[in-house]
Amino acid sequence: MQHDTPVNDAVVFGSPGLGANSRADLKVPEGHMFSAWSDQDPVPSLDVANHFGASPYDDAQGRIASDSLDGIHRLSTENAVGVDGQPLHVTHEHGQYLEGKSTSQYNMASVVAGRPDLKVSYIPPDSLPSPPPTPGQPIPAPPGRVPQPPPR
């Protein structure tokens, strides 16, 4: 991706680095670079000395890490549902990114097929909505407010 070979879209996954120090070093059009990494995969964290260049990943909260490359869209590796309604399973370990029916494989296929609009984007844990209330249980209230009774 650092040479003049045309690359329209790229997905990096489970990598400790791209051998680049800035996004400009990569010959991939803006908005067409994607990354995926799993919560229990230690490989992306291996390059503490930056021998492999800046990280292609943001941190666990979805923020760009201080040593990462910006302009790389993070893909989900969590449980999800594909555009066809089929369930996709989570990827935890380094050897699972290409497993059939995994969210990471689905995301890579979406990008490779030229349909990144079908991808499942990563959502930082602190941005996830809380689950809906269980029927018959009080509706959670914002901090400082009294919970409301369940609808009848």
N, C-alpha and C. Protein backbone atom coordinates (compact mmCIF):
# COMPACT_ATOMS: atom_id res chain seq x y z
N MET A 1 0.81 -1.19 0.00
CA MET A 1 0.00 0.00 0.00
C MET A 1 0.85 1.26 0.00
N GLN A 2 2.16 1.10 0.09
CA GLN A 2 3.04 2.25 0.09
C GLN A 2 3.68 2.48 -1.28
N HIS A 3 3.36 1.63 -2.24
CA HIS A 3 3.92 1.76 -3.58
C HIS A 3 2.85 2.28 -4.53
N ASP A 4 3.18 2.41 -5.79
CA ASP A 4 2.24 2.96 -6.76
C ASP A 4 1.29 1.93 -7.33
N THR A 5 1.22 0.74 -6.74
CA THR A 5 0.25 -0.27 -7.16
C THR A 5 -1.13 0.23 -6.75
N PRO A 6 -2.07 0.28 -7.69
CA PRO A 6 -3.40 0.82 -7.32
C PRO A 6 -4.13 -0.08 -6.32
N VAL A 7 -4.59 0.52 -5.25
CA VAL A 7 -5.41 -0.15 -4.24
C VAL A 7 -6.65 0.72 -4.06
N ASN A 8 -7.82 0.17 -4.36
CA ASN A 8 -9.05 0.94 -4.22
C ASN A 8 -9.57 0.93 -2.79
N ASP A 9 -9.52 -0.22 -2.15
CA ASP A 9 -10.00 -0.38 -0.78
C ASP A 9 -9.04 -1.31 -0.06
N ALA A 10 -8.87 -1.12 1.24
CA ALA A 10 -8.00 -2.00 2.02
C ALA A 10 -8.59 -2.23 3.40
N VAL A 11 -8.42 -3.47 3.89
CA VAL A 11 -8.82 -3.82 5.25
C VAL A 11 -7.60 -4.44 5.92
N VAL A 12 -7.20 -3.92 7.05
CA VAL A 12 -6.14 -4.52 7.85
C VAL A 12 -6.78 -5.10 9.09
N PHE A 13 -6.29 -6.25 9.52
CA PHE A 13 -6.89 -6.90 10.68
C PHE A 13 -5.82 -7.65 11.45
N GLY A 14 -5.81 -7.47 12.76
CA GLY A 14 -4.88 -8.18 13.62
C GLY A 14 -3.43 -7.85 13.37
N SER A 15 -3.13 -6.69 12.85
CA SER A 15 -1.76 -6.31 12.50
C SER A 15 -1.14 -5.43 13.58
N PRO A 16 0.16 -5.60 13.86
CA PRO A 16 0.80 -4.72 14.82
C PRO A 16 1.18 -3.37 14.23
N GLY A 17 1.08 -3.20 12.92
CA GLY A 17 1.40 -1.92 12.28
C GLY A 17 1.45 -2.09 10.78
N LEU A 18 1.54 -0.97 10.07
CA LEU A 18 1.51 -0.99 8.61
C LEU A 18 2.84 -0.59 7.98
N GLY A 19 3.88 -0.40 8.77
CA GLY A 19 5.16 0.02 8.22
C GLY A 19 5.10 1.44 7.69
N ALA A 20 4.14 2.21 8.15
CA ALA A 20 3.98 3.60 7.72
C ALA A 20 3.94 4.49 8.95
N ASN A 21 4.38 5.71 8.78
CA ASN A 21 4.35 6.64 9.91
C ASN A 21 3.25 7.68 9.79
N SER A 22 2.63 7.77 8.62
CA SER A 22 1.51 8.69 8.44
C SER A 22 0.55 8.10 7.43
N ARG A 23 -0.69 8.56 7.45
CA ARG A 23 -1.72 8.08 6.53
C ARG A 23 -1.33 8.41 5.09
N ALA A 24 -0.60 9.51 4.88
CA ALA A 24 -0.16 9.91 3.54
C ALA A 24 0.81 8.90 2.93
N ASP A 25 1.47 8.07 3.75
CA ASP A 25 2.39 7.05 3.24
C ASP A 25 1.65 5.92 2.53
N LEU A 26 0.36 5.80 2.76
CA LEU A 26 -0.43 4.71 2.19
C LEU A 26 -1.16 5.20 0.96
N LYS A 27 -1.02 4.49 -0.14
CA LYS A 27 -1.62 4.89 -1.41
C LYS A 27 -3.02 4.31 -1.56
N VAL A 28 -3.85 4.54 -0.58
CA VAL A 28 -5.24 4.10 -0.58
C VAL A 28 -6.09 5.36 -0.52
N PRO A 29 -7.09 5.50 -1.38
CA PRO A 29 -7.90 6.72 -1.37
C PRO A 29 -8.52 7.00 0.00
N GLU A 30 -8.64 8.27 0.32
CA GLU A 30 -9.26 8.70 1.57
C GLU A 30 -10.66 8.10 1.68
N GLY A 31 -10.98 7.56 2.86
CA GLY A 31 -12.29 6.97 3.08
C GLY A 31 -12.39 5.52 2.65
N HIS A 32 -11.31 4.93 2.16
CA HIS A 32 -11.33 3.56 1.66
C HIS A 32 -10.38 2.65 2.43
N MET A 33 -9.98 3.05 3.61
CA MET A 33 -9.08 2.26 4.45
C MET A 33 -9.85 1.86 5.70
N PHE A 34 -9.83 0.55 6.02
CA PHE A 34 -10.60 0.00 7.13
C PHE A 34 -9.70 -0.87 8.00
N SER A 35 -10.06 -0.99 9.28
CA SER A 35 -9.31 -1.86 10.18
C SER A 35 -10.28 -2.63 11.07
N ALA A 36 -9.81 -3.79 11.53
CA ALA A 36 -10.59 -4.60 12.47
C ALA A 36 -9.61 -5.23 13.46
N TRP A 37 -9.93 -5.14 14.73
CA TRP A 37 -9.14 -5.85 15.74
C TRP A 37 -10.04 -6.26 16.88
N SER A 38 -9.70 -7.39 17.44
CA SER A 38 -10.53 -8.03 18.46
C SER A 38 -10.04 -7.73 19.86
N ASP A 39 -10.96 -7.80 20.79
CA ASP A 39 -10.67 -7.46 22.17
C ASP A 39 -9.62 -8.35 22.83
N GLN A 40 -9.49 -9.61 22.41
CA GLN A 40 -8.53 -10.51 23.05
C GLN A 40 -7.34 -10.85 22.16
N ASP A 41 -7.19 -10.17 21.04
CA ASP A 41 -6.07 -10.40 20.14
C ASP A 41 -4.88 -9.57 20.62
N PRO A 42 -3.80 -10.22 21.08
CA PRO A 42 -2.66 -9.46 21.58
C PRO A 42 -1.76 -8.90 20.47
N VAL A 43 -1.87 -9.41 19.25
CA VAL A 43 -0.95 -9.03 18.18
C VAL A 43 -0.96 -7.53 17.88
N PRO A 44 -2.13 -6.86 17.77
CA PRO A 44 -2.10 -5.43 17.49
C PRO A 44 -1.34 -4.60 18.52
N SER A 45 -1.16 -5.14 19.73
CA SER A 45 -0.46 -4.41 20.79
C SER A 45 1.02 -4.77 20.89
N LEU A 46 1.51 -5.65 20.03
CA LEU A 46 2.87 -6.14 20.16
C LEU A 46 3.95 -5.10 19.86
N ASP A 47 3.67 -4.18 19.00
CA ASP A 47 4.71 -3.25 18.54
C ASP A 47 4.82 -2.02 19.43
N VAL A 48 5.23 -2.22 20.66
CA VAL A 48 5.33 -1.09 21.59
C VAL A 48 6.46 -0.13 21.20
N ALA A 49 7.43 -0.59 20.43
CA ALA A 49 8.55 0.26 20.02
C ALA A 49 8.34 0.87 18.63
N ASN A 50 7.18 0.65 18.03
CA ASN A 50 6.85 1.18 16.70
C ASN A 50 7.79 0.70 15.60
N HIS A 51 8.29 -0.54 15.70
CA HIS A 51 9.11 -1.10 14.63
C HIS A 51 8.30 -1.31 13.36
N PHE A 52 6.99 -1.48 13.52
CA PHE A 52 6.12 -1.74 12.37
C PHE A 52 5.39 -0.47 11.91
N GLY A 53 5.77 0.67 12.42
CA GLY A 53 5.10 1.92 12.07
C GLY A 53 3.93 2.19 13.00
N ALA A 54 3.23 3.26 12.70
CA ALA A 54 2.10 3.66 13.54
C ALA A 54 0.99 2.62 13.48
N SER A 55 0.20 2.57 14.52
CA SER A 55 -0.89 1.61 14.61
C SER A 55 -2.04 1.98 13.66
N PRO A 56 -2.66 0.98 13.00
CA PRO A 56 -3.84 1.27 12.17
C PRO A 56 -5.13 1.27 12.97
N TYR A 57 -5.04 1.25 14.29
CA TYR A 57 -6.23 1.10 15.13
C TYR A 57 -6.41 2.27 16.07
N ASP A 58 -7.67 2.47 16.45
CA ASP A 58 -7.96 3.41 17.51
C ASP A 58 -7.93 2.63 18.82
N ASP A 59 -8.14 3.30 19.92
CA ASP A 59 -8.10 2.58 21.19
C ASP A 59 -9.45 1.93 21.47
N ALA A 60 -9.56 1.25 22.59
CA ALA A 60 -10.75 0.47 22.92
C ALA A 60 -12.01 1.31 23.05
N GLN A 61 -11.86 2.61 23.30
CA GLN A 61 -13.03 3.47 23.41
C GLN A 61 -13.40 4.11 22.08
N GLY A 62 -12.71 3.72 20.99
CA GLY A 62 -13.03 4.27 19.68
C GLY A 62 -12.32 5.57 19.38
N ARG A 63 -11.45 5.99 20.28
CA ARG A 63 -10.67 7.21 20.04
C ARG A 63 -9.39 6.83 19.32
N ILE A 64 -8.87 7.73 18.52
CA ILE A 64 -7.61 7.48 17.84
C ILE A 64 -6.51 7.43 18.90
N ALA A 65 -5.76 6.33 18.93
CA ALA A 65 -4.66 6.21 19.87
C ALA A 65 -3.57 7.21 19.50
N SER A 66 -2.77 7.61 20.45
CA SER A 66 -1.77 8.65 20.20
C SER A 66 -0.78 8.25 19.12
N ASP A 67 -0.54 6.96 18.93
CA ASP A 67 0.43 6.54 17.92
C ASP A 67 -0.24 5.91 16.70
N SER A 68 -1.53 6.16 16.49
CA SER A 68 -2.24 5.51 15.40
C SER A 68 -2.37 6.44 14.19
N LEU A 69 -2.71 5.83 13.07
CA LEU A 69 -2.94 6.58 11.83
C LEU A 69 -4.39 7.02 11.79
N ASP A 70 -4.65 8.27 11.46
CA ASP A 70 -6.03 8.72 11.35
C ASP A 70 -6.58 8.39 9.96
N GLY A 71 -7.87 8.54 9.78
CA GLY A 71 -8.48 8.29 8.48
C GLY A 71 -8.69 6.82 8.15
N ILE A 72 -8.66 5.97 9.17
CA ILE A 72 -8.91 4.54 8.97
C ILE A 72 -10.18 4.20 9.74
N HIS A 73 -11.21 3.72 9.02
CA HIS A 73 -12.50 3.43 9.62
C HIS A 73 -12.47 2.07 10.32
N ARG A 74 -12.82 2.03 11.60
CA ARG A 74 -12.79 0.78 12.36
C ARG A 74 -14.07 -0.02 12.14
N LEU A 75 -13.89 -1.30 11.82
CA LEU A 75 -15.00 -2.23 11.62
C LEU A 75 -15.24 -3.04 12.88
N SER A 76 -16.46 -3.47 13.07
CA SER A 76 -16.82 -4.27 14.23
C SER A 76 -16.30 -5.70 14.10
N THR A 77 -15.98 -6.30 15.22
CA THR A 77 -15.69 -7.73 15.30
C THR A 77 -16.63 -8.39 16.32
N GLU A 78 -17.65 -7.66 16.75
CA GLU A 78 -18.60 -8.15 17.75
C GLU A 78 -19.74 -8.93 17.10
N ASN A 79 -20.59 -9.55 17.93
CA ASN A 79 -21.81 -10.18 17.41
C ASN A 79 -22.62 -9.13 16.68
N ALA A 80 -23.20 -9.51 15.57
CA ALA A 80 -23.98 -8.56 14.77
C ALA A 80 -24.96 -9.33 13.90
N VAL A 81 -25.68 -8.59 13.09
CA VAL A 81 -26.61 -9.18 12.12
C VAL A 81 -26.25 -8.59 10.76
N GLY A 82 -26.08 -9.46 9.76
CA GLY A 82 -25.74 -9.01 8.42
C GLY A 82 -26.93 -8.39 7.73
N VAL A 83 -26.69 -7.78 6.57
CA VAL A 83 -27.75 -7.13 5.81
C VAL A 83 -28.85 -8.11 5.41
N ASP A 84 -28.50 -9.40 5.34
CA ASP A 84 -29.49 -10.43 4.99
C ASP A 84 -30.26 -10.95 6.20
N GLY A 85 -30.00 -10.38 7.38
CA GLY A 85 -30.70 -10.79 8.59
C GLY A 85 -30.08 -11.97 9.31
N GLN A 86 -28.99 -12.51 8.77
CA GLN A 86 -28.33 -13.66 9.39
C GLN A 86 -27.42 -13.21 10.53
N PRO A 87 -27.39 -13.98 11.63
CA PRO A 87 -26.51 -13.62 12.75
C PRO A 87 -25.05 -13.83 12.38
N LEU A 88 -24.20 -12.94 12.87
CA LEU A 88 -22.75 -13.01 12.69
C LEU A 88 -22.13 -13.11 14.06
N HIS A 89 -21.08 -13.94 14.19
CA HIS A 89 -20.51 -14.14 15.52
C HIS A 89 -19.26 -13.31 15.76
N VAL A 90 -18.99 -13.09 17.03
CA VAL A 90 -17.87 -12.29 17.50
C VAL A 90 -16.54 -12.97 17.16
N THR A 91 -15.52 -12.16 16.99
CA THR A 91 -14.15 -12.62 16.82
C THR A 91 -13.40 -12.19 18.07
N HIS A 92 -12.74 -13.13 18.76
CA HIS A 92 -11.97 -12.77 19.95
C HIS A 92 -10.48 -12.89 19.71
N GLU A 93 -10.05 -13.95 19.05
CA GLU A 93 -8.63 -14.26 18.97
C GLU A 93 -8.06 -13.98 17.59
N HIS A 94 -6.74 -13.93 17.52
CA HIS A 94 -6.04 -13.56 16.29
C HIS A 94 -6.39 -14.48 15.11
N GLY A 95 -6.57 -15.75 15.34
CA GLY A 95 -6.84 -16.69 14.26
C GLY A 95 -8.29 -16.78 13.84
N GLN A 96 -9.17 -15.92 14.34
CA GLN A 96 -10.60 -16.02 14.06
C GLN A 96 -11.13 -15.01 13.05
N TYR A 97 -10.33 -14.08 12.59
CA TYR A 97 -10.85 -13.00 11.72
C TYR A 97 -11.51 -13.51 10.44
N LEU A 98 -11.03 -14.62 9.90
CA LEU A 98 -11.55 -15.12 8.63
C LEU A 98 -12.54 -16.26 8.81
N GLU A 99 -12.96 -16.55 10.04
CA GLU A 99 -13.93 -17.62 10.26
C GLU A 99 -15.25 -17.32 9.57
N GLY A 100 -15.84 -18.36 9.01
CA GLY A 100 -17.14 -18.22 8.37
C GLY A 100 -18.19 -17.71 9.33
N LYS A 101 -19.07 -16.87 8.82
CA LYS A 101 -20.17 -16.29 9.57
C LYS A 101 -19.74 -15.44 10.75
N SER A 102 -18.49 -14.94 10.70
CA SER A 102 -18.04 -13.99 11.73
C SER A 102 -18.28 -12.58 11.21
N THR A 103 -18.44 -11.65 12.13
CA THR A 103 -18.65 -10.26 11.75
C THR A 103 -17.42 -9.73 11.02
N SER A 104 -16.23 -10.13 11.45
CA SER A 104 -15.02 -9.64 10.78
C SER A 104 -14.95 -10.14 9.34
N GLN A 105 -15.27 -11.40 9.09
CA GLN A 105 -15.26 -11.91 7.72
C GLN A 105 -16.32 -11.20 6.88
N TYR A 106 -17.50 -11.02 7.41
CA TYR A 106 -18.57 -10.32 6.72
C TYR A 106 -18.12 -8.90 6.33
N ASN A 107 -17.50 -8.19 7.28
CA ASN A 107 -17.04 -6.83 7.00
C ASN A 107 -15.98 -6.80 5.91
N MET A 108 -15.04 -7.73 5.97
CA MET A 108 -14.01 -7.78 4.92
C MET A 108 -14.64 -8.06 3.56
N ALA A 109 -15.59 -8.98 3.53
CA ALA A 109 -16.27 -9.32 2.27
C ALA A 109 -17.03 -8.11 1.73
N SER A 110 -17.66 -7.34 2.60
CA SER A 110 -18.39 -6.15 2.17
C SER A 110 -17.45 -5.14 1.50
N VAL A 111 -16.29 -4.94 2.09
CA VAL A 111 -15.32 -3.99 1.53
C VAL A 111 -14.75 -4.53 0.22
N VAL A 112 -14.34 -5.80 0.20
CA VAL A 112 -13.76 -6.39 -1.01
C VAL A 112 -14.76 -6.41 -2.16
N ALA A 113 -16.03 -6.59 -1.85
CA ALA A 113 -17.07 -6.62 -2.89
C ALA A 113 -17.44 -5.22 -3.38
N GLY A 114 -16.78 -4.21 -2.82
CA GLY A 114 -17.09 -2.85 -3.23
C GLY A 114 -18.35 -2.30 -2.61
N ARG A 115 -18.79 -2.90 -1.51
CA ARG A 115 -20.01 -2.48 -0.82
C ARG A 115 -19.73 -2.14 0.65
N PRO A 116 -18.80 -1.21 0.90
CA PRO A 116 -18.54 -0.87 2.30
C PRO A 116 -19.75 -0.25 3.00
N ASP A 117 -20.76 0.14 2.22
CA ASP A 117 -21.99 0.65 2.83
C ASP A 117 -22.73 -0.43 3.61
N LEU A 118 -22.39 -1.71 3.39
CA LEU A 118 -23.04 -2.83 4.09
C LEU A 118 -22.27 -3.24 5.35
N LYS A 119 -21.15 -2.59 5.62
CA LYS A 119 -20.30 -2.97 6.76
C LYS A 119 -21.02 -2.77 8.09
N VAL A 120 -20.50 -3.44 9.11
CA VAL A 120 -20.95 -3.23 10.48
C VAL A 120 -19.84 -2.44 11.15
N SER A 121 -20.10 -1.20 11.45
CA SER A 121 -19.09 -0.33 12.06
C SER A 121 -18.91 -0.66 13.53
N TYR A 122 -17.72 -0.37 14.02
CA TYR A 122 -17.42 -0.51 15.44
C TYR A 122 -18.12 0.61 16.20
N ILE A 123 -18.74 0.26 17.32
CA ILE A 123 -19.35 1.24 18.20
C ILE A 123 -18.66 1.12 19.55
N PRO A 124 -18.02 2.18 20.02
CA PRO A 124 -17.35 2.11 21.33
C PRO A 124 -18.34 1.72 22.43
N PRO A 125 -17.90 0.91 23.39
CA PRO A 125 -18.80 0.43 24.44
C PRO A 125 -19.53 1.55 25.18
N ASP A 126 -18.88 2.68 25.39
CA ASP A 126 -19.54 3.75 26.12
C ASP A 126 -20.56 4.51 25.26
N SER A 127 -20.67 4.16 23.97
CA SER A 127 -21.65 4.78 23.08
C SER A 127 -22.87 3.89 22.84
N LEU A 128 -22.81 2.64 23.32
CA LEU A 128 -23.92 1.72 23.11
C LEU A 128 -25.12 2.12 23.93
N PRO A 129 -26.31 2.05 23.34
CA PRO A 129 -27.50 2.35 24.13
C PRO A 129 -27.72 1.26 25.17
N SER A 130 -28.31 1.62 26.27
CA SER A 130 -28.60 0.61 27.28
C SER A 130 -29.74 -0.27 26.76
N PRO A 131 -29.80 -1.52 27.21
CA PRO A 131 -30.86 -2.39 26.72
C PRO A 131 -32.24 -1.87 27.12
N PRO A 132 -33.26 -2.19 26.32
CA PRO A 132 -34.61 -1.73 26.69
C PRO A 132 -35.06 -2.39 27.99
N PRO A 133 -36.00 -1.76 28.70
CA PRO A 133 -36.45 -2.36 29.95
C PRO A 133 -37.18 -3.67 29.68
N THR A 134 -37.07 -4.57 30.64
CA THR A 134 -37.78 -5.84 30.57
C THR A 134 -39.25 -5.56 30.86
N PRO A 135 -40.16 -6.19 30.09
CA PRO A 135 -41.59 -5.96 30.37
C PRO A 135 -41.91 -6.19 31.84
N GLY A 136 -42.69 -5.27 32.40
CA GLY A 136 -43.08 -5.39 33.80
C GLY A 136 -42.12 -4.74 34.77
N GLN A 137 -40.95 -4.28 34.27
CA GLN A 137 -39.96 -3.63 35.12
C GLN A 137 -40.06 -2.11 34.96
N PRO A 138 -39.64 -1.35 35.97
CA PRO A 138 -39.67 0.11 35.85
C PRO A 138 -38.75 0.58 34.72
N ILE A 139 -39.12 1.66 34.09
CA ILE A 139 -38.31 2.26 33.04
C ILE A 139 -37.18 3.03 33.71
N PRO A 140 -35.91 2.74 33.35
CA PRO A 140 -34.80 3.46 33.99
C PRO A 140 -34.94 4.97 33.77
N ALA A 141 -34.57 5.71 34.79
CA ALA A 141 -34.64 7.16 34.71
C ALA A 141 -33.25 7.73 34.56
N PRO A 142 -33.13 8.91 33.94
CA PRO A 142 -31.83 9.58 33.88
C PRO A 142 -31.34 9.86 35.30
N PRO A 143 -30.04 10.05 35.49
CA PRO A 143 -29.52 10.34 36.84
C PRO A 143 -30.27 11.51 37.48
N GLY A 144 -30.63 11.34 38.75
CA GLY A 144 -31.31 12.38 39.49
C GLY A 144 -32.83 12.41 39.31
N ARG A 145 -33.37 11.47 38.51
CA ARG A 145 -34.83 11.43 38.28
C ARG A 145 -35.37 10.13 38.88
N VAL A 146 -36.65 10.12 39.21
CA VAL A 146 -37.30 8.95 39.77
C VAL A 146 -37.73 8.01 38.64
N PRO A 147 -37.46 6.67 38.77
CA PRO A 147 -37.90 5.73 37.72
C PRO A 147 -39.41 5.80 37.56
N GLN A 148 -39.88 5.62 36.31
CA GLN A 148 -41.29 5.64 35.99
C GLN A 148 -41.86 4.22 36.06
N PRO A 149 -43.14 4.08 36.42
CA PRO A 149 -43.73 2.73 36.43
C PRO A 149 -43.80 2.19 34.99
N PRO A 150 -43.85 0.86 34.85
CA PRO A 150 -43.92 0.30 33.51
C PRO A 150 -45.22 0.66 32.82
N PRO A 151 -45.20 0.74 31.48
CA PRO A 151 -46.46 1.03 30.76
C PRO A 151 -47.46 -0.09 30.95
N ARG A 152 -48.74 0.23 30.95
CA ARG A 152 -49.79 -0.79 31.13
C ARG A 152 -50.49 -1.04 29.85
